């Protein structure tokens, strides 16, 4: 069971929500930015009490319709990036609007309120995660990945990667190789 929470966008916010859940005796859930994923279903009384408590903290639980919309946004974004569909990167918002049948402004406002970042930032972060997978497991070059992720060139994708991770793709890949060397050295001892 997932509950999306507006304005829970920092570590401090997540800690406050965690404290309230402990007070309710809830088995420790997974708390992410903007979302709580429970191991077991909450009773109606627990859910009502939780909503009331976090409202006093300045947060707001999303209704089922908006929660479903956020799940669909995440799912469509993941699908879009994992399949390397033939949709140019700049057309991702149009793709989401068409699939979700919602106004883009409504989607981005809701997404920002819950996750603390806007939808294009989220998509860029997901692209970087996809790029990490490709660098580690598919042994592709940056310019090949740029084509697959619909960037103009490798330099543009490298800038995005460095902005989000603080590392260049080359350094990220070297870290993988270094970890592998260390692991192999430890196994031979």
Protein backbone atom coordinates (compact mmCIF):
# COMPACT_ATOMS: atom_id res chain seq x y z
CA UNK A 1 0.00 0.00 0.00
CA UNK A 2 1.33 3.43 -0.99
CA UNK A 3 0.33 6.83 0.28
CA UNK A 4 1.54 9.96 -1.50
CA UNK A 5 2.12 13.03 0.62
CA UNK A 6 2.31 16.62 -0.61
CA UNK A 7 5.16 18.84 0.62
CA UNK A 8 7.22 15.98 2.15
CA UNK A 9 10.34 16.93 0.23
CA UNK A 10 13.25 16.76 2.65
CA UNK A 11 14.95 14.36 5.05
CA UNK A 12 13.55 16.30 7.99
CA UNK A 13 10.03 15.90 6.57
CA UNK A 14 10.54 12.16 6.12
CA UNK A 15 11.77 11.88 9.72
CA UNK A 16 8.69 13.70 11.04
CA UNK A 17 6.40 11.37 9.10
CA UNK A 18 8.36 8.36 10.41
CA UNK A 19 7.90 9.55 14.01
CA UNK A 20 4.15 9.87 13.51
CA UNK A 21 3.95 6.38 12.04
CA UNK A 22 5.85 4.95 15.03
CA UNK A 23 3.37 6.65 17.37
CA UNK A 24 0.58 4.85 15.49
CA UNK A 25 2.38 1.51 15.92
CA UNK A 26 2.77 0.97 12.17
CA UNK A 27 5.34 -1.62 11.08
CA UNK A 28 8.19 0.50 9.74
CA UNK A 29 7.35 1.41 6.17
CA UNK A 30 9.62 2.54 3.37
CA UNK A 31 9.59 6.33 3.36
CA UNK A 32 10.66 8.06 0.16
CA UNK A 33 10.41 11.66 -0.88
CA UNK A 34 6.70 12.31 -1.23
CA UNK A 35 5.61 8.72 -0.61
CA UNK A 36 5.21 6.13 2.13
CA UNK A 37 5.07 2.48 1.11
CA UNK A 38 3.59 0.25 3.81
CA UNK A 39 4.39 -3.42 4.34
CA UNK A 40 0.85 -4.06 5.40
CA UNK A 41 -2.46 -2.35 4.75
CA UNK A 42 -3.50 0.32 7.25
CA UNK A 43 -6.88 0.08 8.90
CA UNK A 44 -9.29 2.91 8.13
CA UNK A 45 -8.80 4.23 11.68
CA UNK A 46 -5.00 4.19 11.31
CA UNK A 47 -5.19 5.90 7.92
CA UNK A 48 -7.56 8.60 9.24
CA UNK A 49 -5.37 9.17 12.29
CA UNK A 50 -2.25 9.35 10.11
CA UNK A 51 -3.88 11.90 7.78
CA UNK A 52 -4.92 14.03 10.74
CA UNK A 53 -1.46 13.92 12.34
CA UNK A 54 0.47 14.84 9.23
CA UNK A 55 -1.99 17.59 8.36
CA UNK A 56 -0.98 19.17 11.68
CA UNK A 57 2.64 18.98 10.48
CA UNK A 58 1.77 20.88 7.28
CA UNK A 59 1.60 17.89 4.94
CA UNK A 60 -1.34 16.59 2.95
CA UNK A 61 -2.24 13.05 1.88
CA UNK A 62 -3.24 12.78 -1.76
CA UNK A 63 -6.54 11.29 -2.75
CA UNK A 64 -6.65 8.00 -4.67
CA UNK A 65 -7.10 9.68 -8.08
CA UNK A 66 -3.95 11.80 -7.73
CA UNK A 67 -2.03 8.89 -6.21
CA UNK A 68 -2.95 6.78 -9.21
CA UNK A 69 -1.87 9.61 -11.53
CA UNK A 70 1.57 9.75 -9.88
CA UNK A 71 1.97 5.98 -10.21
CA UNK A 72 1.07 6.23 -13.88
CA UNK A 73 3.55 9.09 -14.46
CA UNK A 74 6.36 7.06 -12.89
CA UNK A 75 5.39 3.94 -14.82
CA UNK A 76 5.14 5.72 -18.16
CA UNK A 77 8.47 7.49 -17.60
CA UNK A 78 10.18 4.21 -16.77
CA UNK A 79 8.58 2.54 -19.78
CA UNK A 80 9.58 5.42 -22.02
CA UNK A 81 13.22 5.24 -20.98
CA UNK A 82 13.63 1.49 -20.71
CA UNK A 83 12.31 0.74 -24.16
CA UNK A 84 14.34 3.47 -25.89
CA UNK A 85 11.23 4.35 -27.83
CA UNK A 86 11.51 6.47 -30.92
CA UNK A 87 10.19 9.54 -29.16
CA UNK A 88 12.53 12.55 -29.11
CA UNK A 89 13.43 13.70 -25.60
CA UNK A 90 11.76 17.09 -26.03
CA UNK A 91 8.49 15.29 -26.86
CA UNK A 92 8.33 13.36 -23.56
CA UNK A 93 5.88 15.87 -22.00
CA UNK A 94 3.55 15.60 -25.01
CA UNK A 95 3.78 11.80 -24.78
CA UNK A 96 2.80 11.91 -21.09
CA UNK A 97 -0.11 14.30 -21.70
CA UNK A 98 -1.47 12.07 -24.45
CA UNK A 99 -1.14 8.87 -22.41
CA UNK A 100 -2.44 10.33 -19.15
CA UNK A 101 -5.16 12.53 -20.66
CA UNK A 102 -4.41 15.33 -18.20
CA UNK A 103 -3.26 18.90 -18.56
CA UNK A 104 0.54 19.16 -18.44
CA UNK A 105 0.47 22.04 -15.94
CA UNK A 106 -1.76 19.99 -13.63
CA UNK A 107 0.60 17.01 -13.91
CA UNK A 108 3.76 19.02 -13.27
CA UNK A 109 2.27 20.97 -10.36
CA UNK A 110 1.11 17.79 -8.63
CA UNK A 111 4.42 16.08 -9.30
CA UNK A 112 6.42 19.03 -7.90
CA UNK A 113 4.26 19.29 -4.78
CA UNK A 114 4.83 15.63 -3.95
CA UNK A 115 8.41 15.02 -5.10
CA UNK A 116 9.98 18.45 -4.63
CA UNK A 117 11.32 18.47 -8.19
CA UNK A 118 9.64 19.18 -11.49
CA UNK A 119 8.80 16.53 -14.06
CA UNK A 120 11.61 17.41 -16.52
CA UNK A 121 14.12 17.11 -13.65
CA UNK A 122 12.65 13.73 -12.71
CA UNK A 123 12.91 12.57 -16.32
CA UNK A 124 16.54 13.74 -16.48
CA UNK A 125 17.33 11.83 -13.26
CA UNK A 126 15.69 8.71 -14.68
CA UNK A 127 17.70 9.13 -17.89
CA UNK A 128 20.91 9.32 -15.86
CA UNK A 129 19.94 6.14 -14.01
CA UNK A 130 19.33 4.46 -17.36
CA UNK A 131 22.69 5.75 -18.58
CA UNK A 132 24.41 4.26 -15.52
CA UNK A 133 22.90 0.87 -16.37
CA UNK A 134 24.09 1.16 -19.95
CA UNK A 135 27.60 2.17 -18.86
CA UNK A 136 27.86 -0.67 -16.37
CA UNK A 137 26.11 -3.54 -18.10
CA UNK A 138 25.89 -2.82 -21.80
CA UNK A 139 29.38 -1.43 -22.28
CA UNK A 140 28.20 1.35 -24.59
CA UNK A 141 30.03 4.58 -25.36
CA UNK A 142 28.56 7.91 -24.26
CA UNK A 143 27.77 8.99 -27.82
CA UNK A 144 25.91 5.69 -28.43
CA UNK A 145 23.90 6.19 -25.25
CA UNK A 146 23.17 9.79 -26.26
CA UNK A 147 21.58 8.53 -29.47
CA UNK A 148 19.50 5.94 -27.59
CA UNK A 149 18.31 8.55 -25.07
CA UNK A 150 17.63 11.12 -27.81
CA UNK A 151 20.28 13.69 -26.91
CA UNK A 152 21.90 15.82 -29.60
CA UNK A 153 25.35 14.50 -28.75
CA UNK A 154 27.48 12.90 -26.06
CA UNK A 155 28.62 16.26 -24.69
CA UNK A 156 25.05 17.32 -23.90
CA UNK A 157 24.36 14.03 -22.12
CA UNK A 158 27.67 14.26 -20.25
CA UNK A 159 26.66 17.72 -18.94
CA UNK A 160 23.35 16.36 -17.67
CA UNK A 161 25.08 13.32 -16.11
CA UNK A 162 27.66 15.51 -14.36
CA UNK A 163 25.02 17.98 -13.14
CA UNK A 164 23.00 15.18 -11.52
CA UNK A 165 25.77 12.88 -10.23
CA UNK A 166 28.73 15.24 -9.85
CA UNK A 167 30.78 12.77 -11.92
CA UNK A 168 31.60 12.42 -15.57
CA UNK A 169 30.44 9.20 -17.27
CA UNK A 170 34.11 8.32 -17.85
CA UNK A 171 34.92 8.64 -14.13
CA UNK A 172 31.77 6.70 -13.20
CA UNK A 173 32.85 3.84 -15.45
CA UNK A 174 36.41 3.95 -14.06
CA UNK A 175 34.99 3.63 -10.53
CA UNK A 176 33.24 0.43 -11.63
CA UNK A 177 36.46 -0.96 -13.05
CA UNK A 178 38.36 -0.03 -9.87
CA UNK A 179 35.74 -1.76 -7.69
CA UNK A 180 36.02 -4.84 -9.89
CA UNK A 181 39.83 -4.86 -9.54
CA UNK A 182 39.56 -4.56 -5.75
CA UNK A 183 37.01 -7.36 -5.59
CA UNK A 184 39.15 -9.63 -7.74
CA UNK A 185 42.19 -8.83 -5.55
CA UNK A 186 40.24 -9.71 -2.40
CA UNK A 187 39.04 -13.00 -3.87
CA UNK A 188 42.56 -14.09 -4.82
CA UNK A 189 43.89 -13.59 -1.27
